[in-house]
């Protein structure tokens, strides 16, 4: 299965989470460590879900980067 992972830089490294499966979340000191730990967390969670008869969420998110310009004359609310 392929899920969408989101990584956020935090004070002590990185936090990783699967967007389609928000219960799968972890932290690591480096991005690579976080990725490895996220995969491990997903595998462990899949075992728990299977044993408890809970359906694993299906991959369904499409992520797209959107480019836009911020014009100097644009007002920014405080």
PDB file of N, CA and C in Angstrom:
ATOM      1  N   UNK A   1       0.849  -1.176   0.000  1.00  0.00           N
ATOM      2  CA  UNK A   1       0.000   0.000   0.000  1.00  0.00           C
ATOM      3  C   UNK A   1       0.892   1.235   0.000  1.00  0.00           C
ATOM      4  N   UNK A   2       0.404   2.279  -0.616  1.00  0.00           N
ATOM      5  CA  UNK A   2       1.119   3.548  -0.622  1.00  0.00           C
ATOM      6  C   UNK A   2       0.254   4.605   0.044  1.00  0.00           C
ATOM      7  N   UNK A   3       0.811   5.248   1.064  1.00  0.00           N
ATOM      8  CA  UNK A   3       0.125   6.316   1.771  1.00  0.00           C
ATOM      9  C   UNK A   3       0.884   7.622   1.551  1.00  0.00           C
ATOM     10  N   UNK A   4       0.242   8.711   1.876  1.00  0.00           N
ATOM     11  CA  UNK A   4       0.853  10.025   1.742  1.00  0.00           C
ATOM     12  C   UNK A   4       1.444  10.433   3.088  1.00  0.00           C
ATOM     13  N   UNK A   5       2.757  10.612   3.127  1.00  0.00           N
ATOM     14  CA  UNK A   5       3.437  10.999   4.356  1.00  0.00           C
ATOM     15  C   UNK A   5       3.682  12.504   4.344  1.00  0.00           C
ATOM     16  N   UNK A   6       3.534  13.097   5.511  1.00  0.00           N
ATOM     17  CA  UNK A   6       3.804  14.523   5.693  1.00  0.00           C
ATOM     18  C   UNK A   6       4.854  14.639   6.791  1.00  0.00           C
ATOM     19  N   UNK A   7       5.916  15.371   6.510  1.00  0.00           N
ATOM     20  CA  UNK A   7       6.993  15.557   7.477  1.00  0.00           C
ATOM     21  C   UNK A   7       7.083  17.029   7.841  1.00  0.00           C
ATOM     22  N   UNK A   8       7.178  17.299   9.134  1.00  0.00           N
ATOM     23  CA  UNK A   8       7.270  18.666   9.633  1.00  0.00           C
ATOM     24  C   UNK A   8       8.537  18.802  10.464  1.00  0.00           C
ATOM     25  N   UNK A   9       9.310  19.842  10.181  1.00  0.00           N
ATOM     26  CA  UNK A   9      10.513  20.113  10.981  1.00  0.00           C
ATOM     27  C   UNK A   9      10.060  20.606  12.344  1.00  0.00           C
ATOM     28  N   UNK A  10      10.557  19.974  13.394  1.00  0.00           N
ATOM     29  CA  UNK A  10      10.234  20.367  14.765  1.00  0.00           C
ATOM     30  C   UNK A  10      11.544  20.634  15.502  1.00  0.00           C
ATOM     31  N   UNK A  11      11.437  21.095  16.729  1.00  0.00           N
ATOM     32  CA  UNK A  11      12.615  21.492  17.495  1.00  0.00           C
ATOM     33  C   UNK A  11      13.667  20.384  17.597  1.00  0.00           C
ATOM     34  N   UNK A  12      13.241  19.137  17.868  1.00  0.00           N
ATOM     35  CA  UNK A  12      14.212  18.052  18.051  1.00  0.00           C
ATOM     36  C   UNK A  12      14.375  17.160  16.830  1.00  0.00           C
ATOM     37  N   UNK A  13      13.950  17.591  15.651  1.00  0.00           N
ATOM     38  CA  UNK A  13      14.098  16.769  14.454  1.00  0.00           C
ATOM     39  C   UNK A  13      12.922  16.921  13.517  1.00  0.00           C
ATOM     40  N   UNK A  14      12.214  15.793  13.302  1.00  0.00           N
ATOM     41  CA  UNK A  14      11.086  15.774  12.375  1.00  0.00           C
ATOM     42  C   UNK A  14       9.930  14.987  12.964  1.00  0.00           C
ATOM     43  N   UNK A  15       8.726  15.412  12.630  1.00  0.00           N
ATOM     44  CA  UNK A  15       7.517  14.671  12.957  1.00  0.00           C
ATOM     45  C   UNK A  15       6.950  14.173  11.633  1.00  0.00           C
ATOM     46  N   UNK A  16       6.572  12.907  11.594  1.00  0.00           N
ATOM     47  CA  UNK A  16       5.991  12.327  10.384  1.00  0.00           C
ATOM     48  C   UNK A  16       4.607  11.771  10.687  1.00  0.00           C
ATOM     49  N   UNK A  17       3.709  11.906   9.705  1.00  0.00           N
ATOM     50  CA  UNK A  17       2.345  11.407   9.873  1.00  0.00           C
ATOM     51  C   UNK A  17       1.806  10.981   8.516  1.00  0.00           C
ATOM     52  N   UNK A  18       0.988   9.939   8.529  1.00  0.00           N
ATOM     53  CA  UNK A  18       0.308   9.529   7.305  1.00  0.00           C
ATOM     54  C   UNK A  18      -0.997  10.309   7.215  1.00  0.00           C
ATOM     55  N   UNK A  19      -1.184  11.023   6.111  1.00  0.00           N
ATOM     56  CA  UNK A  19      -2.367  11.877   5.986  1.00  0.00           C
ATOM     57  C   UNK A  19      -3.670  11.086   5.955  1.00  0.00           C
ATOM     58  N   UNK A  20      -3.666   9.942   5.297  1.00  0.00           N
ATOM     59  CA  UNK A  20      -4.884   9.134   5.227  1.00  0.00           C
ATOM     60  C   UNK A  20      -5.131   8.347   6.518  1.00  0.00           C
ATOM     61  N   UNK A  21      -4.121   8.241   7.333  1.00  0.00           N
ATOM     62  CA  UNK A  21      -4.198   7.428   8.546  1.00  0.00           C
ATOM     63  C   UNK A  21      -3.562   8.216   9.689  1.00  0.00           C
ATOM     64  N   UNK A  22      -4.254   9.252  10.184  1.00  0.00           N
ATOM     65  CA  UNK A  22      -3.681  10.178  11.154  1.00  0.00           C
ATOM     66  C   UNK A  22      -3.213   9.534  12.457  1.00  0.00           C
ATOM     67  N   UNK A  23      -3.682   8.344  12.769  1.00  0.00           N
ATOM     68  CA  UNK A  23      -3.217   7.661  13.984  1.00  0.00           C
ATOM     69  C   UNK A  23      -1.776   7.190  13.862  1.00  0.00           C
ATOM     70  N   UNK A  24      -1.251   7.153  12.643  1.00  0.00           N
ATOM     71  CA  UNK A  24       0.140   6.748  12.430  1.00  0.00           C
ATOM     72  C   UNK A  24       0.979   8.021  12.411  1.00  0.00           C
ATOM     73  N   UNK A  25       1.666   8.260  13.509  1.00  0.00           N
ATOM     74  CA  UNK A  25       2.454   9.476  13.685  1.00  0.00           C
ATOM     75  C   UNK A  25       3.691   9.136  14.506  1.00  0.00           C
ATOM     76  N   UNK A  26       4.807   9.769  14.191  1.00  0.00           N
ATOM     77  CA  UNK A  26       6.047   9.485  14.905  1.00  0.00           C
ATOM     78  C   UNK A  26       6.995  10.664  14.801  1.00  0.00           C
ATOM     79  N   UNK A  27       8.114  10.570  15.496  1.00  0.00           N
ATOM     80  CA  UNK A  27       9.158  11.591  15.436  1.00  0.00           C
ATOM     81  C   UNK A  27      10.508  10.922  15.295  1.00  0.00           C
ATOM     82  N   UNK A  28      11.444  11.637  14.686  1.00  0.00           N
ATOM     83  CA  UNK A  28      12.809  11.160  14.574  1.00  0.00           C
ATOM     84  C   UNK A  28      13.773  12.324  14.579  1.00  0.00           C
ATOM     85  N   UNK A  29      15.008  12.053  14.960  1.00  0.00           N
ATOM     86  CA  UNK A  29      16.009  13.123  15.007  1.00  0.00           C
ATOM     87  C   UNK A  29      16.383  13.619  13.617  1.00  0.00           C
ATOM     88  N   UNK A  30      16.385  12.708  12.625  1.00  0.00           N
ATOM     89  CA  UNK A  30      16.679  13.080  11.241  1.00  0.00           C
ATOM     90  C   UNK A  30      15.481  12.721  10.377  1.00  0.00           C
ATOM     91  N   UNK A  31      15.444  13.267   9.171  1.00  0.00           N
ATOM     92  CA  UNK A  31      14.346  12.949   8.260  1.00  0.00           C
ATOM     93  C   UNK A  31      14.351  11.465   7.915  1.00  0.00           C
ATOM     94  N   UNK A  32      15.521  10.905   7.653  1.00  0.00           N
ATOM     95  CA  UNK A  32      15.595   9.477   7.328  1.00  0.00           C
ATOM     96  C   UNK A  32      15.128   8.611   8.485  1.00  0.00           C
ATOM     97  N   UNK A  33      15.531   8.961   9.712  1.00  0.00           N
ATOM     98  CA  UNK A  33      15.086   8.207  10.879  1.00  0.00           C
ATOM     99  C   UNK A  33      13.562   8.303  11.015  1.00  0.00           C
ATOM    100  N   UNK A  34      13.027   9.484  10.791  1.00  0.00           N
ATOM    101  CA  UNK A  34      11.581   9.675  10.900  1.00  0.00           C
ATOM    102  C   UNK A  34      10.842   8.831   9.863  1.00  0.00           C
ATOM    103  N   UNK A  35      11.358   8.796   8.639  1.00  0.00           N
ATOM    104  CA  UNK A  35      10.737   7.984   7.578  1.00  0.00           C
ATOM    105  C   UNK A  35      10.724   6.510   7.967  1.00  0.00           C
ATOM    106  N   UNK A  36      11.859   6.024   8.449  1.00  0.00           N
ATOM    107  CA  UNK A  36      11.949   4.622   8.856  1.00  0.00           C
ATOM    108  C   UNK A  36      10.979   4.317   9.997  1.00  0.00           C
ATOM    109  N   UNK A  37      10.911   5.230  10.954  1.00  0.00           N
ATOM    110  CA  UNK A  37      10.023   5.029  12.098  1.00  0.00           C
ATOM    111  C   UNK A  37       8.551   5.108  11.692  1.00  0.00           C
ATOM    112  N   UNK A  38       8.250   5.938  10.696  1.00  0.00           N
ATOM    113  CA  UNK A  38       6.867   6.043  10.220  1.00  0.00           C
ATOM    114  C   UNK A  38       6.426   4.741   9.550  1.00  0.00           C
ATOM    115  N   UNK A  39       7.293   4.165   8.760  1.00  0.00           N
ATOM    116  CA  UNK A  39       6.986   2.876   8.131  1.00  0.00           C
ATOM    117  C   UNK A  39       6.784   1.813   9.195  1.00  0.00           C
ATOM    118  N   UNK A  40       7.668   1.778  10.192  1.00  0.00           N
ATOM    119  CA  UNK A  40       7.541   0.818  11.285  1.00  0.00           C
ATOM    120  C   UNK A  40       6.232   1.029  12.041  1.00  0.00           C
ATOM    121  N   UNK A  41       5.888   2.286  12.311  1.00  0.00           N
ATOM    122  CA  UNK A  41       4.641   2.586  13.028  1.00  0.00           C
ATOM    123  C   UNK A  41       3.429   2.130  12.215  1.00  0.00           C
ATOM    124  N   UNK A  42       3.460   2.320  10.906  1.00  0.00           N
ATOM    125  CA  UNK A  42       2.346   1.891  10.052  1.00  0.00           C
ATOM    126  C   UNK A  42       2.215   0.370  10.054  1.00  0.00           C
ATOM    127  N   UNK A  43       3.340  -0.325   9.971  1.00  0.00           N
ATOM    128  CA  UNK A  43       3.305  -1.794   9.993  1.00  0.00           C
ATOM    129  C   UNK A  43       2.753  -2.305  11.317  1.00  0.00           C
ATOM    130  N   UNK A  44       3.191  -1.703  12.415  1.00  0.00           N
ATOM    131  CA  UNK A  44       2.696  -2.109  13.736  1.00  0.00           C
ATOM    132  C   UNK A  44       1.205  -1.794  13.880  1.00  0.00           C
ATOM    133  N   UNK A  45       0.789  -0.626  13.412  1.00  0.00           N
ATOM    134  CA  UNK A  45      -0.620  -0.243  13.503  1.00  0.00           C
ATOM    135  C   UNK A  45      -1.479  -1.174  12.648  1.00  0.00           C
ATOM    136  N   UNK A  46      -0.972  -1.583  11.501  1.00  0.00           N
ATOM    137  CA  UNK A  46      -1.710  -2.504  10.635  1.00  0.00           C
ATOM    138  C   UNK A  46      -1.961  -3.832  11.342  1.00  0.00           C
ATOM    139  N   UNK A  47      -0.983  -4.301  12.096  1.00  0.00           N
ATOM    140  CA  UNK A  47      -1.150  -5.556  12.850  1.00  0.00           C
ATOM    141  C   UNK A  47      -2.239  -5.391  13.905  1.00  0.00           C
ATOM    142  N   UNK A  48      -2.199  -4.276  14.630  1.00  0.00           N
ATOM    143  CA  UNK A  48      -3.214  -4.019  15.658  1.00  0.00           C
ATOM    144  C   UNK A  48      -4.601  -3.929  15.029  1.00  0.00           C
ATOM    145  N   UNK A  49      -4.712  -3.192  13.927  1.00  0.00           N
ATOM    146  CA  UNK A  49      -6.010  -3.055  13.251  1.00  0.00           C
ATOM    147  C   UNK A  49      -6.517  -4.418  12.799  1.00  0.00           C
ATOM    148  N   UNK A  50      -5.616  -5.218  12.195  1.00  0.00           N
ATOM    149  CA  UNK A  50      -6.012  -6.539  11.717  1.00  0.00           C
ATOM    150  C   UNK A  50      -6.503  -7.413  12.875  1.00  0.00           C
ATOM    151  N   UNK A  51      -5.726  -7.417  13.964  1.00  0.00           N
ATOM    152  CA  UNK A  51      -6.091  -8.247  15.113  1.00  0.00           C
ATOM    153  C   UNK A  51      -7.393  -7.805  15.775  1.00  0.00           C
ATOM    154  N   UNK A  52      -7.679  -6.498  15.698  1.00  0.00           N
ATOM    155  CA  UNK A  52      -8.909  -5.966  16.298  1.00  0.00           C
ATOM    156  C   UNK A  52     -10.074  -5.906  15.317  1.00  0.00           C
ATOM    157  N   UNK A  53      -9.854  -6.362  14.081  1.00  0.00           N
ATOM    158  CA  UNK A  53     -10.912  -6.363  13.077  1.00  0.00           C
ATOM    159  C   UNK A  53     -11.289  -4.971  12.585  1.00  0.00           C
ATOM    160  N   UNK A  54     -10.350  -4.043  12.656  1.00  0.00           N
ATOM    161  CA  UNK A  54     -10.603  -2.674  12.206  1.00  0.00           C
ATOM    162  C   UNK A  54     -10.077  -2.518  10.781  1.00  0.00           C
ATOM    163  N   UNK A  55     -10.859  -1.874   9.932  1.00  0.00           N
ATOM    164  CA  UNK A  55     -10.472  -1.675   8.541  1.00  0.00           C
ATOM    165  C   UNK A  55      -9.368  -0.616   8.449  1.00  0.00           C
ATOM    166  N   UNK A  56      -8.321  -0.930   7.709  1.00  0.00           N
ATOM    167  CA  UNK A  56      -7.229   0.010   7.487  1.00  0.00           C
ATOM    168  C   UNK A  56      -7.693   1.045   6.465  1.00  0.00           C
ATOM    169  N   UNK A  57      -7.466   2.334   6.741  1.00  0.00           N
ATOM    170  CA  UNK A  57      -7.857   3.362   5.773  1.00  0.00           C
ATOM    171  C   UNK A  57      -7.179   3.122   4.428  1.00  0.00           C
ATOM    172  N   UNK A  58      -7.859   3.471   3.360  1.00  0.00           N
ATOM    173  CA  UNK A  58      -7.308   3.301   2.020  1.00  0.00           C
ATOM    174  C   UNK A  58      -6.643   4.596   1.553  1.00  0.00           C
ATOM    175  N   UNK A  59      -5.506   4.464   0.874  1.00  0.00           N
ATOM    176  CA  UNK A  59      -4.853   5.656   0.335  1.00  0.00           C
ATOM    177  C   UNK A  59      -5.809   6.396  -0.602  1.00  0.00           C
ATOM    178  N   UNK A  60      -5.958   7.704  -0.401  1.00  0.00           N
ATOM    179  CA  UNK A  60      -6.930   8.432  -1.214  1.00  0.00           C
ATOM    180  C   UNK A  60      -6.612   9.911  -1.368  1.00  0.00           C
ATOM    181  N   UNK A  61      -5.490  10.359  -0.882  1.00  0.00           N
ATOM    182  CA  UNK A  61      -5.185  11.780  -0.911  1.00  0.00           C
ATOM    183  C   UNK A  61      -4.246  12.088  -2.071  1.00  0.00           C
ATOM    184  N   UNK A  62      -4.544  13.159  -2.782  1.00  0.00           N
ATOM    185  CA  UNK A  62      -3.666  13.662  -3.831  1.00  0.00           C
ATOM    186  C   UNK A  62      -3.101  14.982  -3.343  1.00  0.00           C
ATOM    187  N   UNK A  63      -1.794  15.095  -3.303  1.00  0.00           N
ATOM    188  CA  UNK A  63      -1.139  16.309  -2.850  1.00  0.00           C
ATOM    189  C   UNK A  63      -0.563  17.018  -4.060  1.00  0.00           C
ATOM    190  N   UNK A  64      -0.801  18.311  -4.124  1.00  0.00           N
ATOM    191  CA  UNK A  64      -0.307  19.095  -5.248  1.00  0.00           C
ATOM    192  C   UNK A  64       0.233  20.421  -4.719  1.00  0.00           C
ATOM    193  N   UNK A  65       1.388  20.811  -5.207  1.00  0.00           N
ATOM    194  CA  UNK A  65       1.941  22.116  -4.856  1.00  0.00           C
ATOM    195  C   UNK A  65       1.301  23.158  -5.753  1.00  0.00           C
ATOM    196  N   UNK A  66       0.928  24.285  -5.170  1.00  0.00           N
ATOM    197  CA  UNK A  66       0.300  25.363  -5.917  1.00  0.00           C
ATOM    198  C   UNK A  66       1.215  26.578  -5.846  1.00  0.00           C
ATOM    199  N   UNK A  67       1.617  27.087  -6.994  1.00  0.00           N
ATOM    200  CA  UNK A  67       2.470  28.269  -7.052  1.00  0.00           C
ATOM    201  C   UNK A  67       1.618  29.511  -7.222  1.00  0.00           C
ATOM    202  N   UNK A  68       1.983  30.556  -6.510  1.00  0.00           N
ATOM    203  CA  UNK A  68       1.318  31.846  -6.699  1.00  0.00           C
ATOM    204  C   UNK A  68       2.262  32.945  -6.249  1.00  0.00           C
ATOM    205  N   UNK A  69       2.020  34.123  -6.756  1.00  0.00           N
ATOM    206  CA  UNK A  69       2.833  35.283  -6.404  1.00  0.00           C
ATOM    207  C   UNK A  69       2.091  36.135  -5.398  1.00  0.00           C
ATOM    208  N   UNK A  70       2.844  36.689  -4.473  1.00  0.00           N
ATOM    209  CA  UNK A  70       2.288  37.667  -3.543  1.00  0.00           C
ATOM    210  C   UNK A  70       2.779  39.026  -4.025  1.00  0.00           C
ATOM    211  N   UNK A  71       1.850  39.845  -4.461  1.00  0.00           N
ATOM    212  CA  UNK A  71       2.201  41.155  -4.996  1.00  0.00           C
ATOM    213  C   UNK A  71       2.513  42.116  -3.858  1.00  0.00           C
ATOM    214  N   UNK A  72       3.506  42.988  -4.069  1.00  0.00           N
ATOM    215  CA  UNK A  72       3.886  43.944  -3.025  1.00  0.00           C
ATOM    216  C   UNK A  72       2.734  44.806  -2.539  1.00  0.00           C
ATOM    217  N   UNK A  73       1.752  45.034  -3.382  1.00  0.00           N
ATOM    218  CA  UNK A  73       0.620  45.885  -2.999  1.00  0.00           C
ATOM    219  C   UNK A  73      -0.454  45.122  -2.222  1.00  0.00           C
ATOM    220  N   UNK A  74      -0.291  43.798  -2.099  1.00  0.00           N
ATOM    221  CA  UNK A  74      -1.295  43.005  -1.388  1.00  0.00           C
ATOM    222  C   UNK A  74      -1.267  43.334   0.093  1.00  0.00           C
ATOM    223  N   UNK A  75      -2.431  43.466   0.696  1.00  0.00           N
ATOM    224  CA  UNK A  75      -2.528  43.768   2.120  1.00  0.00           C
ATOM    225  C   UNK A  75      -2.479  42.465   2.916  1.00  0.00           C
ATOM    226  N   UNK A  76      -1.731  42.465   3.962  1.00  0.00           N
ATOM    227  CA  UNK A  76      -1.633  41.306   4.838  1.00  0.00           C
ATOM    228  C   UNK A  76      -2.283  41.669   6.162  1.00  0.00           C
ATOM    229  N   UNK A  77      -3.242  40.893   6.593  1.00  0.00           N
ATOM    230  CA  UNK A  77      -3.919  41.148   7.853  1.00  0.00           C
ATOM    231  C   UNK A  77      -2.994  40.781   9.013  1.00  0.00           C
ATOM    232  N   UNK A  78      -3.009  41.589  10.071  1.00  0.00           N
ATOM    233  CA  UNK A  78      -2.147  41.276  11.228  1.00  0.00           C
ATOM    234  C   UNK A  78      -2.607  40.059  11.976  1.00  0.00           C
TER     235      UNK A  78
END
